[in-house]
Amino acid sequence: MSFAVFVHKVNGHFEATLAGSPEVLASALTREEALAEIQTILQKRIWHGELVLVEAPLQGIAALAGKYGDDPTLTQIREDIYKARDAEPKE
């Protein structure tokens, strides 16, 4: 399993943080040690918990995306627009 980890140098040490969860932090003298430490932290979290994907319902304008994709009226409008566009003189 792969996770996005941000690594940066702070006061002579390397810090590795889990992207999106800055509280998951490892600090070490070398980049490799910081990455090994954050890997250990992540392994412990996964061992004691469960990683799941949760769908969030779309709201607002995003909820309309694809809603009318099969509407034959819109299909005809789109085809007419493309036909008109293609008939325009090219520069």
N, C-alpha and C. Protein backbone atom coordinates (compact mmCIF):
# COMPACT_ATOMS: atom_id res chain seq x y z
N MET A 1 0.85 -1.16 0.00
CA MET A 1 0.00 0.00 0.00
C MET A 1 0.90 1.23 0.00
N SER A 2 0.56 2.21 -0.79
CA SER A 2 1.37 3.42 -0.89
C SER A 2 0.64 4.62 -0.31
N PHE A 3 1.41 5.50 0.31
CA PHE A 3 0.88 6.73 0.90
C PHE A 3 1.74 7.89 0.44
N ALA A 4 1.12 9.03 0.25
CA ALA A 4 1.87 10.24 -0.09
C ALA A 4 2.44 10.82 1.20
N VAL A 5 3.74 11.01 1.22
CA VAL A 5 4.43 11.54 2.39
C VAL A 5 5.25 12.75 1.96
N PHE A 6 5.13 13.82 2.73
CA PHE A 6 5.89 15.03 2.47
C PHE A 6 7.13 15.03 3.35
N VAL A 7 8.31 15.17 2.73
CA VAL A 7 9.57 15.17 3.47
C VAL A 7 10.23 16.53 3.29
N HIS A 8 10.66 17.13 4.40
CA HIS A 8 11.36 18.40 4.31
C HIS A 8 12.36 18.51 5.47
N LYS A 9 13.31 19.40 5.29
CA LYS A 9 14.36 19.58 6.28
C LYS A 9 13.98 20.74 7.21
N VAL A 10 14.11 20.49 8.53
CA VAL A 10 13.80 21.50 9.54
C VAL A 10 14.90 21.47 10.59
N ASN A 11 15.61 22.61 10.74
CA ASN A 11 16.65 22.74 11.78
C ASN A 11 17.62 21.56 11.79
N GLY A 12 18.08 21.15 10.63
CA GLY A 12 19.07 20.08 10.55
C GLY A 12 18.50 18.67 10.63
N HIS A 13 17.21 18.54 10.81
CA HIS A 13 16.55 17.24 10.85
C HIS A 13 15.63 17.12 9.63
N PHE A 14 15.24 15.89 9.35
CA PHE A 14 14.26 15.66 8.30
C PHE A 14 12.94 15.29 8.96
N GLU A 15 11.88 15.91 8.48
CA GLU A 15 10.54 15.58 8.94
C GLU A 15 9.76 14.96 7.80
N ALA A 16 9.05 13.91 8.12
CA ALA A 16 8.17 13.25 7.15
C ALA A 16 6.76 13.30 7.72
N THR A 17 5.82 13.82 6.93
CA THR A 17 4.43 13.89 7.37
C THR A 17 3.55 13.24 6.32
N LEU A 18 2.50 12.61 6.79
CA LEU A 18 1.53 11.99 5.91
C LEU A 18 0.72 13.10 5.25
N ALA A 19 0.66 13.11 3.93
CA ALA A 19 -0.08 14.15 3.21
C ALA A 19 -1.54 14.13 3.67
N GLY A 20 -2.03 15.30 4.05
CA GLY A 20 -3.41 15.42 4.52
C GLY A 20 -3.59 15.15 5.99
N SER A 21 -2.56 14.64 6.67
CA SER A 21 -2.63 14.36 8.10
C SER A 21 -1.32 14.81 8.76
N PRO A 22 -1.16 16.10 8.97
CA PRO A 22 0.11 16.60 9.51
C PRO A 22 0.43 16.09 10.91
N GLU A 23 -0.58 15.55 11.61
CA GLU A 23 -0.31 15.01 12.95
C GLU A 23 0.45 13.68 12.88
N VAL A 24 0.48 13.05 11.71
CA VAL A 24 1.27 11.82 11.52
C VAL A 24 2.65 12.28 11.07
N LEU A 25 3.57 12.34 12.03
CA LEU A 25 4.86 12.99 11.82
C LEU A 25 6.00 12.13 12.33
N ALA A 26 7.08 12.12 11.56
CA ALA A 26 8.31 11.45 11.98
C ALA A 26 9.47 12.41 11.76
N SER A 27 10.41 12.42 12.69
CA SER A 27 11.56 13.31 12.59
C SER A 27 12.82 12.50 12.85
N ALA A 28 13.85 12.75 12.03
CA ALA A 28 15.10 11.99 12.19
C ALA A 28 16.26 12.80 11.60
N LEU A 29 17.49 12.31 11.84
CA LEU A 29 18.67 13.01 11.34
C LEU A 29 18.83 12.89 9.83
N THR A 30 18.36 11.77 9.26
CA THR A 30 18.49 11.59 7.82
C THR A 30 17.10 11.39 7.19
N ARG A 31 17.06 11.64 5.90
CA ARG A 31 15.82 11.47 5.15
C ARG A 31 15.35 10.01 5.22
N GLU A 32 16.28 9.09 5.05
CA GLU A 32 15.95 7.67 5.06
C GLU A 32 15.39 7.23 6.42
N GLU A 33 15.98 7.75 7.51
CA GLU A 33 15.50 7.40 8.85
C GLU A 33 14.09 7.96 9.08
N ALA A 34 13.84 9.17 8.61
CA ALA A 34 12.51 9.77 8.77
C ALA A 34 11.48 8.96 8.00
N LEU A 35 11.83 8.53 6.78
CA LEU A 35 10.90 7.72 6.00
C LEU A 35 10.66 6.35 6.63
N ALA A 36 11.72 5.76 7.18
CA ALA A 36 11.56 4.46 7.85
C ALA A 36 10.68 4.61 9.08
N GLU A 37 10.83 5.71 9.80
CA GLU A 37 10.03 5.94 11.00
C GLU A 37 8.56 6.16 10.65
N ILE A 38 8.29 6.94 9.60
CA ILE A 38 6.89 7.17 9.24
C ILE A 38 6.27 5.89 8.70
N GLN A 39 7.06 5.06 8.05
CA GLN A 39 6.57 3.77 7.58
C GLN A 39 6.14 2.90 8.76
N THR A 40 6.93 2.91 9.81
CA THR A 40 6.60 2.16 11.03
C THR A 40 5.32 2.69 11.66
N ILE A 41 5.19 4.01 11.73
CA ILE A 41 3.99 4.62 12.30
C ILE A 41 2.76 4.20 11.49
N LEU A 42 2.87 4.26 10.17
CA LEU A 42 1.74 3.88 9.31
C LEU A 42 1.38 2.40 9.46
N GLN A 43 2.40 1.56 9.55
CA GLN A 43 2.14 0.13 9.74
C GLN A 43 1.39 -0.13 11.04
N LYS A 44 1.76 0.55 12.12
CA LYS A 44 1.08 0.39 13.40
C LYS A 44 -0.37 0.87 13.32
N ARG A 45 -0.58 2.00 12.64
CA ARG A 45 -1.95 2.52 12.50
C ARG A 45 -2.83 1.55 11.72
N ILE A 46 -2.27 0.99 10.66
CA ILE A 46 -3.05 0.05 9.85
C ILE A 46 -3.31 -1.23 10.62
N TRP A 47 -2.33 -1.68 11.39
CA TRP A 47 -2.48 -2.91 12.17
C TRP A 47 -3.59 -2.78 13.21
N HIS A 48 -3.71 -1.60 13.81
CA HIS A 48 -4.68 -1.39 14.88
C HIS A 48 -5.99 -0.77 14.41
N GLY A 49 -6.09 -0.50 13.15
CA GLY A 49 -7.31 0.12 12.62
C GLY A 49 -7.70 -0.49 11.30
N GLU A 50 -8.52 0.21 10.60
CA GLU A 50 -9.01 -0.27 9.31
C GLU A 50 -9.02 0.89 8.33
N LEU A 51 -8.46 0.67 7.18
CA LEU A 51 -8.44 1.69 6.15
C LEU A 51 -9.59 1.41 5.18
N VAL A 52 -10.50 2.36 5.08
CA VAL A 52 -11.66 2.18 4.20
C VAL A 52 -11.82 3.42 3.32
N LEU A 53 -12.47 3.24 2.18
CA LEU A 53 -12.81 4.35 1.30
C LEU A 53 -14.28 4.68 1.52
N VAL A 54 -14.58 5.95 1.65
CA VAL A 54 -15.94 6.40 1.91
C VAL A 54 -16.34 7.36 0.79
N GLU A 55 -17.49 7.11 0.20
CA GLU A 55 -18.02 7.99 -0.84
C GLU A 55 -18.77 9.14 -0.19
N ALA A 56 -18.48 10.33 -0.61
CA ALA A 56 -19.21 11.51 -0.13
C ALA A 56 -20.20 11.90 -1.23
N PRO A 57 -21.45 12.12 -0.88
CA PRO A 57 -22.42 12.49 -1.91
C PRO A 57 -22.08 13.84 -2.52
N LEU A 58 -22.24 13.94 -3.83
CA LEU A 58 -21.98 15.20 -4.51
C LEU A 58 -23.08 16.19 -4.19
N GLN A 59 -22.71 17.43 -4.06
CA GLN A 59 -23.68 18.48 -3.76
C GLN A 59 -23.47 19.64 -4.72
N GLY A 60 -24.46 20.49 -4.81
CA GLY A 60 -24.36 21.68 -5.64
C GLY A 60 -24.23 21.34 -7.11
N ILE A 61 -23.45 22.13 -7.82
CA ILE A 61 -23.29 21.97 -9.26
C ILE A 61 -22.63 20.64 -9.60
N ALA A 62 -21.76 20.13 -8.72
CA ALA A 62 -21.08 18.86 -8.99
C ALA A 62 -22.07 17.71 -9.07
N ALA A 63 -23.21 17.82 -8.39
CA ALA A 63 -24.22 16.75 -8.41
C ALA A 63 -24.87 16.63 -9.79
N LEU A 64 -24.77 17.66 -10.60
CA LEU A 64 -25.38 17.64 -11.94
C LEU A 64 -24.50 16.97 -12.99
N ALA A 65 -23.23 16.79 -12.69
CA ALA A 65 -22.30 16.23 -13.67
C ALA A 65 -22.78 14.87 -14.16
N GLY A 66 -23.01 14.78 -15.45
CA GLY A 66 -23.42 13.52 -16.07
C GLY A 66 -24.89 13.19 -15.92
N LYS A 67 -25.62 13.99 -15.18
CA LYS A 67 -27.03 13.68 -14.90
C LYS A 67 -27.86 13.59 -16.17
N TYR A 68 -27.55 14.43 -17.15
CA TYR A 68 -28.34 14.45 -18.39
C TYR A 68 -27.54 13.89 -19.57
N GLY A 69 -26.57 13.06 -19.30
CA GLY A 69 -25.71 12.51 -20.33
C GLY A 69 -26.43 11.71 -21.39
N ASP A 70 -27.54 11.07 -21.05
CA ASP A 70 -28.28 10.24 -22.00
C ASP A 70 -29.50 10.94 -22.58
N ASP A 71 -29.65 12.23 -22.32
CA ASP A 71 -30.80 12.98 -22.81
C ASP A 71 -30.67 13.18 -24.32
N PRO A 72 -31.60 12.62 -25.13
CA PRO A 72 -31.49 12.72 -26.58
C PRO A 72 -31.58 14.16 -27.08
N THR A 73 -32.29 15.02 -26.37
CA THR A 73 -32.39 16.42 -26.78
C THR A 73 -31.02 17.08 -26.70
N LEU A 74 -30.32 16.84 -25.60
CA LEU A 74 -28.99 17.43 -25.45
C LEU A 74 -28.01 16.83 -26.45
N THR A 75 -28.18 15.56 -26.78
CA THR A 75 -27.32 14.93 -27.77
C THR A 75 -27.49 15.63 -29.12
N GLN A 76 -28.72 15.91 -29.50
CA GLN A 76 -28.99 16.59 -30.76
C GLN A 76 -28.44 18.03 -30.74
N ILE A 77 -28.61 18.72 -29.64
CA ILE A 77 -28.08 20.09 -29.51
C ILE A 77 -26.57 20.07 -29.66
N ARG A 78 -25.93 19.13 -28.99
CA ARG A 78 -24.47 19.02 -29.08
C ARG A 78 -24.02 18.74 -30.50
N GLU A 79 -24.71 17.83 -31.19
CA GLU A 79 -24.34 17.51 -32.57
C GLU A 79 -24.52 18.72 -33.48
N ASP A 80 -25.60 19.49 -33.26
CA ASP A 80 -25.82 20.71 -34.06
C ASP A 80 -24.72 21.73 -33.82
N ILE A 81 -24.30 21.87 -32.58
CA ILE A 81 -23.23 22.81 -32.24
C ILE A 81 -21.92 22.38 -32.91
N TYR A 82 -21.60 21.11 -32.85
CA TYR A 82 -20.37 20.62 -33.48
C TYR A 82 -20.42 20.80 -34.99
N LYS A 83 -21.58 20.54 -35.59
CA LYS A 83 -21.74 20.69 -37.03
C LYS A 83 -21.53 22.15 -37.42
N ALA A 84 -22.12 23.08 -36.69
CA ALA A 84 -21.94 24.50 -36.97
C ALA A 84 -20.48 24.92 -36.79
N ARG A 85 -19.86 24.41 -35.74
CA ARG A 85 -18.44 24.73 -35.49
C ARG A 85 -17.56 24.24 -36.63
N ASP A 86 -17.80 23.01 -37.06
CA ASP A 86 -16.98 22.42 -38.12
C ASP A 86 -17.21 23.11 -39.46
N ALA A 87 -18.37 23.74 -39.64
CA ALA A 87 -18.67 24.42 -40.91
C ALA A 87 -18.04 25.81 -40.98
N GLU A 88 -17.58 26.33 -39.85
CA GLU A 88 -16.96 27.66 -39.83
C GLU A 88 -15.63 27.61 -40.58
N PRO A 89 -15.32 28.72 -41.29
CA PRO A 89 -14.04 28.74 -42.03
C PRO A 89 -12.85 28.67 -41.06
N LYS A 90 -11.85 27.96 -41.45
CA LYS A 90 -10.63 27.80 -40.64
C LYS A 90 -9.64 28.89 -40.99
N GLU A 91 -8.93 29.39 -40.02
CA GLU A 91 -7.94 30.44 -40.27
C GLU A 91 -6.60 29.86 -40.57
